[in-house]
C-alpha cells in the first residue's frame, strides 16, 4: 500500500488489477472443463493445453468468480428461494392458527348464544366449513414443509453449499 489513508475502493481496484495481471493463461471452469474432456476423448493422450485452451469458449473471469451457479441458480437465487419457502410456511401456520381461532369462536357461539333460533341449524354449517378450512390449512403447512425439504434436497444434489439454505 502506498499510503495508510488509501480508500477501500482504491485498494479493491488495485487488488483486482494485480489479480488480472496474474491470470495470463487459460481459465478452466466447470462450464468449459467438459469441453476439455471431449478434446482429450478424441484421441490425444496428453493434453496440449495451449492448443486446447484456444478451442474452448472464453469465460468472463470476473463473472465466474462472483456468479457461481449450482442447479441453474446463483447464491442469491438459492437464498431467495429458501426465504420464500420459509415465508410460505409462516403464512400457512398463520392461516391455520386464524382458522383454528375462528372455529373455537363458532363452537363457543354454539354453546353460549341463546338468542339465535335453531343455533345448530345456523352454526353447524359454518363450523363444518371452518373444520374443512382448518384441515386444508394444516395440509398447506405439510405441503410448505415438504417444499422446503425438496428445495434442500435440490441444493444438495446441485452441489451447493449448505449455508445457502440459511
N, C-alpha and C. Protein backbone atom coordinates (compact mmCIF):
# COMPACT_ATOMS: atom_id res chain seq x y z
N UNK A 1 0.84 -1.18 0.00
CA UNK A 1 0.00 0.00 0.00
C UNK A 1 0.88 1.24 0.00
N UNK A 2 0.46 2.20 -0.78
CA UNK A 2 1.24 3.42 -0.86
C UNK A 2 1.05 4.29 0.37
N UNK A 3 -0.19 4.39 0.84
CA UNK A 3 -0.43 5.24 2.00
C UNK A 3 -1.45 4.58 2.90
N UNK A 4 -1.39 4.96 4.16
CA UNK A 4 -2.32 4.39 5.13
C UNK A 4 -3.71 4.95 4.94
N UNK A 5 -3.84 6.08 4.26
CA UNK A 5 -5.12 6.74 4.07
C UNK A 5 -5.80 6.33 2.76
N UNK A 6 -5.31 5.26 2.12
CA UNK A 6 -5.88 4.81 0.86
C UNK A 6 -7.31 4.32 1.11
N UNK A 7 -8.22 4.73 0.25
CA UNK A 7 -9.62 4.36 0.47
C UNK A 7 -9.85 2.90 0.07
N UNK A 8 -10.92 2.35 0.58
CA UNK A 8 -11.26 0.97 0.30
C UNK A 8 -11.52 0.72 -1.18
N UNK A 9 -12.25 1.57 -1.88
CA UNK A 9 -12.44 1.33 -3.32
C UNK A 9 -11.13 1.35 -4.10
N UNK A 10 -10.23 2.25 -3.73
CA UNK A 10 -8.94 2.30 -4.42
C UNK A 10 -8.15 1.02 -4.18
N UNK A 11 -8.19 0.52 -2.95
CA UNK A 11 -7.50 -0.72 -2.60
C UNK A 11 -8.10 -1.90 -3.37
N UNK A 12 -9.42 -1.94 -3.49
CA UNK A 12 -10.08 -3.02 -4.23
C UNK A 12 -9.69 -2.99 -5.70
N UNK A 13 -9.64 -1.79 -6.30
CA UNK A 13 -9.23 -1.69 -7.71
C UNK A 13 -7.79 -2.14 -7.89
N UNK A 14 -6.96 -1.80 -6.94
CA UNK A 14 -5.56 -2.19 -7.03
C UNK A 14 -5.41 -3.72 -6.95
N UNK A 15 -6.12 -4.34 -6.03
CA UNK A 15 -6.04 -5.80 -5.88
C UNK A 15 -6.61 -6.48 -7.12
N UNK A 16 -7.72 -5.98 -7.67
CA UNK A 16 -8.32 -6.55 -8.87
C UNK A 16 -7.35 -6.45 -10.05
N UNK A 17 -6.64 -5.33 -10.15
CA UNK A 17 -5.67 -5.16 -11.24
C UNK A 17 -4.51 -6.14 -11.08
N UNK A 18 -4.06 -6.34 -9.85
CA UNK A 18 -2.97 -7.29 -9.61
C UNK A 18 -3.41 -8.71 -9.95
N UNK A 19 -4.65 -9.06 -9.62
CA UNK A 19 -5.15 -10.39 -9.94
C UNK A 19 -5.22 -10.60 -11.45
N UNK A 20 -5.71 -9.60 -12.18
CA UNK A 20 -5.84 -9.75 -13.62
C UNK A 20 -4.46 -9.88 -14.28
N UNK A 21 -3.44 -9.25 -13.69
CA UNK A 21 -2.09 -9.39 -14.24
C UNK A 21 -1.57 -10.80 -14.04
N UNK A 22 -2.00 -11.47 -12.96
CA UNK A 22 -1.53 -12.82 -12.69
C UNK A 22 -2.18 -13.85 -13.61
N UNK A 23 -3.34 -13.57 -14.14
CA UNK A 23 -4.08 -14.51 -14.97
C UNK A 23 -3.71 -14.31 -16.44
N UNK A 24 -2.66 -14.99 -16.85
CA UNK A 24 -2.24 -14.86 -18.24
C UNK A 24 -2.61 -16.09 -19.05
N UNK A 25 -2.74 -17.24 -18.42
CA UNK A 25 -3.04 -18.48 -19.14
C UNK A 25 -4.53 -18.70 -19.26
N UNK A 26 -4.88 -19.87 -19.81
CA UNK A 26 -6.30 -20.18 -19.96
C UNK A 26 -6.96 -20.38 -18.59
N UNK A 27 -8.24 -20.08 -18.53
CA UNK A 27 -9.00 -20.24 -17.31
C UNK A 27 -9.96 -21.41 -17.53
N UNK A 28 -9.86 -22.42 -16.68
CA UNK A 28 -10.74 -23.58 -16.78
C UNK A 28 -11.80 -23.47 -15.70
N UNK A 29 -13.05 -23.60 -16.11
CA UNK A 29 -14.18 -23.55 -15.17
C UNK A 29 -15.01 -24.80 -15.35
N UNK A 30 -16.03 -24.95 -14.52
CA UNK A 30 -16.93 -26.10 -14.65
C UNK A 30 -17.61 -26.13 -16.02
N UNK A 31 -17.85 -24.95 -16.59
CA UNK A 31 -18.52 -24.88 -17.87
C UNK A 31 -17.65 -25.38 -19.02
N UNK A 32 -16.36 -25.07 -18.99
CA UNK A 32 -15.54 -25.44 -20.14
C UNK A 32 -14.66 -26.66 -19.88
N UNK A 33 -14.64 -27.20 -18.69
CA UNK A 33 -13.81 -28.37 -18.41
C UNK A 33 -14.35 -29.59 -19.16
N UNK A 34 -15.67 -29.63 -19.37
CA UNK A 34 -16.25 -30.72 -20.16
C UNK A 34 -15.78 -30.68 -21.60
N UNK A 35 -15.59 -29.50 -22.12
CA UNK A 35 -15.09 -29.37 -23.49
C UNK A 35 -13.66 -29.88 -23.56
N UNK A 36 -12.87 -29.66 -22.52
CA UNK A 36 -11.50 -30.16 -22.49
C UNK A 36 -11.51 -31.68 -22.48
N UNK A 37 -12.43 -32.27 -21.70
CA UNK A 37 -12.54 -33.72 -21.67
C UNK A 37 -12.92 -34.29 -23.03
N UNK A 38 -13.80 -33.60 -23.75
CA UNK A 38 -14.20 -34.05 -25.09
C UNK A 38 -13.02 -34.01 -26.05
N UNK A 39 -12.18 -32.99 -25.91
CA UNK A 39 -11.00 -32.88 -26.77
C UNK A 39 -10.04 -34.03 -26.47
N UNK A 40 -9.87 -34.36 -25.19
CA UNK A 40 -8.99 -35.48 -24.83
C UNK A 40 -9.56 -36.81 -25.31
N UNK A 41 -10.88 -36.95 -25.28
CA UNK A 41 -11.51 -38.20 -25.70
C UNK A 41 -11.39 -38.42 -27.20
N UNK A 42 -11.10 -37.38 -27.96
CA UNK A 42 -10.98 -37.51 -29.41
C UNK A 42 -9.69 -38.17 -29.85
N UNK A 43 -8.90 -38.64 -28.92
CA UNK A 43 -7.73 -39.40 -29.34
C UNK A 43 -6.42 -38.94 -28.77
N UNK A 44 -6.29 -37.74 -28.30
CA UNK A 44 -5.00 -37.33 -27.76
C UNK A 44 -4.85 -37.91 -26.36
N UNK A 45 -3.64 -38.36 -26.05
CA UNK A 45 -3.41 -38.99 -24.75
C UNK A 45 -2.91 -37.98 -23.73
N UNK A 46 -2.19 -36.98 -24.17
CA UNK A 46 -1.73 -35.94 -23.25
C UNK A 46 -2.29 -34.61 -23.73
N UNK A 47 -2.72 -33.83 -22.82
CA UNK A 47 -3.31 -32.56 -23.25
C UNK A 47 -2.25 -31.56 -23.68
N UNK A 48 -2.44 -30.98 -24.83
CA UNK A 48 -1.66 -29.85 -25.26
C UNK A 48 -2.48 -28.62 -24.84
N UNK A 49 -2.27 -28.18 -23.62
CA UNK A 49 -3.15 -27.18 -23.01
C UNK A 49 -3.23 -25.89 -23.79
N UNK A 50 -2.15 -25.48 -24.38
CA UNK A 50 -2.18 -24.22 -25.12
C UNK A 50 -3.12 -24.32 -26.32
N UNK A 51 -3.02 -25.41 -27.09
CA UNK A 51 -3.89 -25.57 -28.26
C UNK A 51 -5.34 -25.82 -27.85
N UNK A 52 -5.56 -26.65 -26.83
CA UNK A 52 -6.91 -26.96 -26.42
C UNK A 52 -7.59 -25.77 -25.76
N UNK A 53 -6.82 -24.96 -25.07
CA UNK A 53 -7.41 -23.78 -24.44
C UNK A 53 -7.92 -22.80 -25.48
N UNK A 54 -7.27 -22.77 -26.65
CA UNK A 54 -7.74 -21.90 -27.73
C UNK A 54 -9.06 -22.39 -28.30
N UNK A 55 -9.33 -23.71 -28.21
CA UNK A 55 -10.57 -24.27 -28.72
C UNK A 55 -11.75 -24.02 -27.78
N UNK A 56 -11.46 -23.76 -26.52
CA UNK A 56 -12.52 -23.58 -25.53
C UNK A 56 -13.14 -22.20 -25.65
N UNK A 57 -14.39 -22.11 -25.20
CA UNK A 57 -15.08 -20.83 -25.22
C UNK A 57 -14.47 -19.91 -24.17
N UNK A 58 -14.37 -18.63 -24.47
CA UNK A 58 -13.83 -17.71 -23.47
C UNK A 58 -14.81 -17.55 -22.31
N UNK A 59 -14.26 -17.32 -21.14
CA UNK A 59 -15.07 -17.17 -19.94
C UNK A 59 -14.73 -15.84 -19.30
N UNK A 60 -15.75 -15.11 -18.91
CA UNK A 60 -15.55 -13.86 -18.19
C UNK A 60 -15.12 -14.21 -16.77
N UNK A 61 -13.86 -13.96 -16.44
CA UNK A 61 -13.31 -14.37 -15.16
C UNK A 61 -14.01 -13.67 -14.00
N UNK A 62 -14.29 -12.39 -14.12
CA UNK A 62 -14.96 -11.68 -13.03
C UNK A 62 -16.35 -12.25 -12.78
N UNK A 63 -17.09 -12.56 -13.85
CA UNK A 63 -18.42 -13.14 -13.69
C UNK A 63 -18.33 -14.54 -13.10
N UNK A 64 -17.32 -15.30 -13.51
CA UNK A 64 -17.17 -16.65 -12.99
C UNK A 64 -16.87 -16.62 -11.49
N UNK A 65 -16.12 -15.62 -11.05
CA UNK A 65 -15.79 -15.53 -9.63
C UNK A 65 -17.00 -15.16 -8.78
N UNK A 66 -17.89 -14.33 -9.30
CA UNK A 66 -18.98 -13.83 -8.47
C UNK A 66 -20.29 -14.55 -8.70
N UNK A 67 -20.49 -15.19 -9.84
CA UNK A 67 -21.78 -15.80 -10.17
C UNK A 67 -21.63 -17.30 -10.34
N UNK A 68 -21.28 -18.01 -9.27
CA UNK A 68 -21.18 -19.46 -9.34
C UNK A 68 -22.59 -20.02 -9.24
N UNK A 69 -23.00 -20.76 -10.25
CA UNK A 69 -24.36 -21.29 -10.29
C UNK A 69 -24.36 -22.77 -9.97
N UNK A 70 -25.26 -23.18 -9.10
CA UNK A 70 -25.48 -24.57 -8.78
C UNK A 70 -26.94 -24.86 -9.09
N UNK A 71 -27.17 -25.81 -9.95
CA UNK A 71 -28.54 -26.13 -10.30
C UNK A 71 -29.23 -25.01 -11.05
N UNK A 72 -28.47 -24.18 -11.75
CA UNK A 72 -29.05 -23.09 -12.52
C UNK A 72 -29.37 -21.85 -11.71
N UNK A 73 -29.02 -21.84 -10.43
CA UNK A 73 -29.28 -20.66 -9.59
C UNK A 73 -27.98 -20.19 -8.97
N UNK A 74 -27.90 -18.90 -8.79
CA UNK A 74 -26.76 -18.33 -8.09
C UNK A 74 -27.02 -18.41 -6.58
N UNK A 75 -26.05 -18.00 -5.80
CA UNK A 75 -26.22 -17.98 -4.35
C UNK A 75 -27.44 -17.14 -3.98
N UNK A 76 -27.56 -15.97 -4.59
CA UNK A 76 -28.69 -15.09 -4.30
C UNK A 76 -30.01 -15.76 -4.65
N UNK A 77 -30.04 -16.46 -5.77
CA UNK A 77 -31.25 -17.16 -6.18
C UNK A 77 -31.65 -18.25 -5.19
N UNK A 78 -30.65 -19.01 -4.71
CA UNK A 78 -30.94 -20.04 -3.71
C UNK A 78 -31.44 -19.42 -2.41
N UNK A 79 -30.77 -18.37 -1.98
CA UNK A 79 -31.19 -17.74 -0.73
C UNK A 79 -32.62 -17.19 -0.83
N UNK A 80 -32.95 -16.59 -1.96
CA UNK A 80 -34.31 -16.07 -2.16
C UNK A 80 -35.33 -17.20 -2.19
N UNK A 81 -34.98 -18.33 -2.81
CA UNK A 81 -35.90 -19.47 -2.87
C UNK A 81 -36.16 -20.01 -1.46
N UNK A 82 -35.11 -20.12 -0.65
CA UNK A 82 -35.29 -20.60 0.72
C UNK A 82 -36.07 -19.60 1.56
N UNK A 83 -35.82 -18.32 1.35
CA UNK A 83 -36.57 -17.29 2.08
C UNK A 83 -38.05 -17.36 1.74
N UNK A 84 -38.37 -17.54 0.46
CA UNK A 84 -39.77 -17.64 0.04
C UNK A 84 -40.42 -18.91 0.59
N UNK A 85 -39.68 -20.02 0.61
CA UNK A 85 -40.22 -21.27 1.16
C UNK A 85 -40.54 -21.12 2.65
N UNK A 86 -39.64 -20.47 3.38
CA UNK A 86 -39.90 -20.25 4.81
C UNK A 86 -41.05 -19.28 5.02
N UNK A 87 -41.16 -18.28 4.17
CA UNK A 87 -42.27 -17.33 4.27
C UNK A 87 -43.60 -18.05 4.03
N UNK A 88 -43.62 -18.96 3.09
CA UNK A 88 -44.85 -19.73 2.82
C UNK A 88 -45.22 -20.59 4.02
N UNK A 89 -44.24 -21.17 4.69
CA UNK A 89 -44.53 -21.93 5.91
C UNK A 89 -45.14 -21.01 6.95
N UNK A 90 -44.57 -19.83 7.13
CA UNK A 90 -45.11 -18.87 8.10
C UNK A 90 -46.54 -18.46 7.76
N UNK A 91 -46.79 -18.18 6.48
CA UNK A 91 -48.15 -17.81 6.07
C UNK A 91 -49.12 -18.95 6.33
N UNK A 92 -48.70 -20.16 6.05
CA UNK A 92 -49.56 -21.33 6.25
C UNK A 92 -49.86 -21.53 7.73
N UNK A 93 -48.86 -21.37 8.57
CA UNK A 93 -49.07 -21.52 10.01
C UNK A 93 -50.01 -20.43 10.53
N UNK A 94 -49.85 -19.21 10.04
CA UNK A 94 -50.74 -18.12 10.46
C UNK A 94 -52.18 -18.39 10.04
N UNK A 95 -52.36 -18.87 8.81
CA UNK A 95 -53.70 -19.18 8.33
C UNK A 95 -54.33 -20.29 9.17
N UNK A 96 -53.54 -21.29 9.50
CA UNK A 96 -54.05 -22.39 10.31
C UNK A 96 -54.46 -21.90 11.70
N UNK A 97 -53.65 -21.06 12.30
CA UNK A 97 -53.98 -20.54 13.63
C UNK A 97 -55.23 -19.66 13.59
N UNK A 98 -55.34 -18.83 12.57
CA UNK A 98 -56.52 -17.98 12.43
C UNK A 98 -57.78 -18.82 12.26
N UNK A 99 -57.70 -19.83 11.42
CA UNK A 99 -58.85 -20.70 11.19
C UNK A 99 -59.22 -21.46 12.46
N UNK A 100 -58.22 -21.91 13.22
CA UNK A 100 -58.49 -22.60 14.48
C UNK A 100 -59.21 -21.68 15.46
N UNK A 101 -58.77 -20.43 15.55
CA UNK A 101 -59.42 -19.47 16.45
C UNK A 101 -60.86 -19.18 16.02
N UNK A 102 -61.09 -19.05 14.72
CA UNK A 102 -62.45 -18.82 14.23
C UNK A 102 -63.34 -20.02 14.53
N UNK A 103 -62.79 -21.24 14.42
CA UNK A 103 -63.55 -22.44 14.75
C UNK A 103 -63.91 -22.46 16.24
N UNK A 104 -62.96 -22.09 17.07
CA UNK A 104 -63.24 -22.02 18.51
C UNK A 104 -64.34 -21.00 18.80
N UNK A 105 -64.30 -19.87 18.14
CA UNK A 105 -65.34 -18.84 18.33
C UNK A 105 -66.72 -19.37 17.93
N UNK A 106 -66.78 -20.06 16.81
CA UNK A 106 -68.06 -20.62 16.37
C UNK A 106 -68.57 -21.67 17.35
N UNK A 107 -67.66 -22.51 17.85
CA UNK A 107 -68.07 -23.51 18.84
C UNK A 107 -68.58 -22.85 20.12
N UNK A 108 -67.91 -21.77 20.52
CA UNK A 108 -68.35 -21.05 21.72
C UNK A 108 -69.73 -20.42 21.49
N UNK A 109 -69.94 -19.87 20.32
CA UNK A 109 -71.25 -19.30 19.99
C UNK A 109 -72.32 -20.38 20.03
N UNK A 110 -72.00 -21.57 19.54
CA UNK A 110 -72.96 -22.67 19.54
C UNK A 110 -73.37 -23.02 20.96
N UNK A 111 -72.40 -22.97 21.88
CA UNK A 111 -72.69 -23.35 23.27
C UNK A 111 -73.35 -22.24 24.08
N UNK A 112 -73.05 -21.00 23.77
CA UNK A 112 -73.47 -19.92 24.67
C UNK A 112 -74.53 -18.99 24.11
N UNK A 113 -74.66 -18.86 22.81
CA UNK A 113 -75.56 -17.86 22.25
C UNK A 113 -77.00 -18.41 22.22
N UNK A 114 -77.80 -17.90 23.11
CA UNK A 114 -79.17 -18.40 23.21
C UNK A 114 -80.15 -17.53 22.43
N UNK A 115 -79.69 -16.43 21.90
CA UNK A 115 -80.59 -15.53 21.17
C UNK A 115 -80.88 -16.01 19.75
N UNK A 116 -80.12 -16.97 19.26
CA UNK A 116 -80.33 -17.49 17.91
C UNK A 116 -81.39 -18.58 17.92
N UNK A 117 -82.33 -18.47 17.00
CA UNK A 117 -83.30 -19.54 16.82
C UNK A 117 -82.63 -20.64 16.00
N UNK A 118 -82.72 -21.85 16.44
CA UNK A 118 -82.13 -23.01 15.76
C UNK A 118 -80.62 -22.81 15.59
N UNK A 119 -79.92 -22.70 16.73
CA UNK A 119 -78.47 -22.49 16.71
C UNK A 119 -77.74 -23.55 15.89
N UNK A 120 -78.09 -24.80 16.11
CA UNK A 120 -77.42 -25.89 15.40
C UNK A 120 -77.61 -25.76 13.89
N UNK A 121 -78.80 -25.41 13.49
CA UNK A 121 -79.08 -25.28 12.07
C UNK A 121 -78.34 -24.12 11.43
N UNK A 122 -78.10 -23.06 12.19
CA UNK A 122 -77.42 -21.89 11.64
C UNK A 122 -75.90 -22.00 11.75
N UNK A 123 -75.42 -22.53 12.89
CA UNK A 123 -73.98 -22.52 13.13
C UNK A 123 -73.25 -23.79 12.66
N UNK A 124 -73.93 -24.91 12.63
CA UNK A 124 -73.24 -26.16 12.25
C UNK A 124 -72.67 -26.12 10.83
N UNK A 125 -73.38 -25.56 9.84
CA UNK A 125 -72.74 -25.48 8.51
C UNK A 125 -71.48 -24.61 8.53
N UNK A 126 -71.50 -23.53 9.33
CA UNK A 126 -70.30 -22.68 9.44
C UNK A 126 -69.17 -23.42 10.13
N UNK A 127 -69.52 -24.19 11.17
CA UNK A 127 -68.50 -24.96 11.90
C UNK A 127 -67.90 -26.02 10.98
N UNK A 128 -68.73 -26.68 10.21
CA UNK A 128 -68.25 -27.71 9.28
C UNK A 128 -67.32 -27.08 8.23
N UNK A 129 -67.70 -25.92 7.74
CA UNK A 129 -66.87 -25.22 6.76
C UNK A 129 -65.51 -24.84 7.36
N UNK A 130 -65.52 -24.36 8.61
CA UNK A 130 -64.26 -23.98 9.27
C UNK A 130 -63.39 -25.21 9.54
N UNK A 131 -64.01 -26.34 9.88
CA UNK A 131 -63.23 -27.57 10.09
C UNK A 131 -62.53 -27.99 8.80
N UNK A 132 -63.24 -27.90 7.71
CA UNK A 132 -62.65 -28.23 6.41
C UNK A 132 -61.53 -27.25 6.06
N UNK A 133 -61.76 -25.97 6.39
CA UNK A 133 -60.73 -24.96 6.16
C UNK A 133 -59.50 -25.21 7.01
N UNK A 134 -59.71 -25.66 8.26
CA UNK A 134 -58.59 -25.98 9.14
C UNK A 134 -57.79 -27.16 8.61
N UNK A 135 -58.48 -28.17 8.13
CA UNK A 135 -57.79 -29.32 7.53
C UNK A 135 -56.98 -28.89 6.30
N UNK A 136 -57.56 -28.03 5.50
CA UNK A 136 -56.85 -27.53 4.31
C UNK A 136 -55.63 -26.71 4.71
N UNK A 137 -55.78 -25.89 5.76
CA UNK A 137 -54.65 -25.08 6.22
C UNK A 137 -53.54 -25.95 6.78
N UNK A 138 -53.92 -27.01 7.49
CA UNK A 138 -52.90 -27.92 8.02
C UNK A 138 -52.21 -28.68 6.89
N UNK A 139 -52.96 -29.03 5.86
CA UNK A 139 -52.34 -29.68 4.70
C UNK A 139 -51.40 -28.72 3.99
N UNK A 140 -51.76 -27.45 3.97
CA UNK A 140 -50.90 -26.43 3.34
C UNK A 140 -49.58 -26.33 4.10
N UNK A 141 -49.61 -26.46 5.44
CA UNK A 141 -48.38 -26.45 6.23
C UNK A 141 -47.51 -27.64 5.86
N UNK A 142 -48.13 -28.81 5.75
CA UNK A 142 -47.38 -30.02 5.38
C UNK A 142 -46.75 -29.85 4.00
N UNK A 143 -47.52 -29.31 3.05
CA UNK A 143 -47.01 -29.10 1.70
C UNK A 143 -45.86 -28.09 1.68
N UNK A 144 -45.99 -27.02 2.46
CA UNK A 144 -44.94 -26.00 2.51
C UNK A 144 -43.66 -26.57 3.12
N UNK A 145 -43.79 -27.38 4.17
CA UNK A 145 -42.61 -28.02 4.76
C UNK A 145 -41.97 -29.00 3.78
N UNK A 146 -42.81 -29.72 3.03
CA UNK A 146 -42.28 -30.64 2.03
C UNK A 146 -41.55 -29.88 0.92
N UNK A 147 -42.09 -28.74 0.54
CA UNK A 147 -41.43 -27.93 -0.49
C UNK A 147 -40.06 -27.44 0.00
N UNK A 148 -39.96 -27.08 1.28
CA UNK A 148 -38.68 -26.67 1.84
C UNK A 148 -37.70 -27.84 1.86
N UNK A 149 -38.18 -29.02 2.25
CA UNK A 149 -37.32 -30.21 2.24
C UNK A 149 -36.86 -30.54 0.81
N UNK A 150 -37.77 -30.41 -0.15
CA UNK A 150 -37.41 -30.67 -1.55
C UNK A 150 -36.37 -29.68 -2.04
N UNK A 151 -36.52 -28.42 -1.64
CA UNK A 151 -35.55 -27.40 -2.04
C UNK A 151 -34.17 -27.69 -1.43
N UNK A 152 -34.16 -28.14 -0.18
CA UNK A 152 -32.89 -28.52 0.46
C UNK A 152 -32.24 -29.69 -0.27
N UNK A 153 -33.05 -30.67 -0.64
CA UNK A 153 -32.51 -31.82 -1.38
C UNK A 153 -31.99 -31.39 -2.75
N UNK A 154 -32.70 -30.46 -3.38
CA UNK A 154 -32.25 -29.96 -4.68
C UNK A 154 -30.91 -29.24 -4.56
N UNK A 155 -30.76 -28.44 -3.50
CA UNK A 155 -29.49 -27.75 -3.28
C UNK A 155 -28.37 -28.75 -3.05
N UNK A 156 -28.63 -29.78 -2.25
CA UNK A 156 -27.60 -30.81 -2.01
C UNK A 156 -27.22 -31.52 -3.29
N UNK A 157 -28.22 -31.89 -4.10
CA UNK A 157 -27.92 -32.62 -5.33
C UNK A 157 -27.20 -31.73 -6.36
N UNK A 158 -27.45 -30.41 -6.28
CA UNK A 158 -26.76 -29.48 -7.19
C UNK A 158 -25.33 -29.21 -6.73
N UNK A 159 -25.01 -29.63 -5.52
CA UNK A 159 -23.65 -29.44 -5.01
C UNK A 159 -23.42 -28.08 -4.39
N UNK A 160 -24.47 -27.35 -4.07
CA UNK A 160 -24.33 -26.03 -3.47
C UNK A 160 -24.00 -26.12 -1.99
N UNK A 161 -23.37 -25.12 -1.45
CA UNK A 161 -23.05 -25.10 -0.02
C UNK A 161 -24.31 -25.08 0.84
N UNK A 162 -24.29 -25.81 1.93
CA UNK A 162 -25.45 -25.88 2.82
C UNK A 162 -25.77 -24.53 3.44
N UNK A 163 -24.80 -23.66 3.55
CA UNK A 163 -25.02 -22.34 4.12
C UNK A 163 -25.98 -21.47 3.32
N UNK A 164 -26.16 -21.80 2.05
CA UNK A 164 -27.07 -21.02 1.22
C UNK A 164 -28.52 -21.27 1.61
N UNK A 165 -28.76 -22.33 2.36
CA UNK A 165 -30.14 -22.65 2.78
C UNK A 165 -30.53 -21.88 4.04
N UNK A 166 -29.61 -21.17 4.61
CA UNK A 166 -29.91 -20.47 5.87
C UNK A 166 -30.49 -19.12 5.62
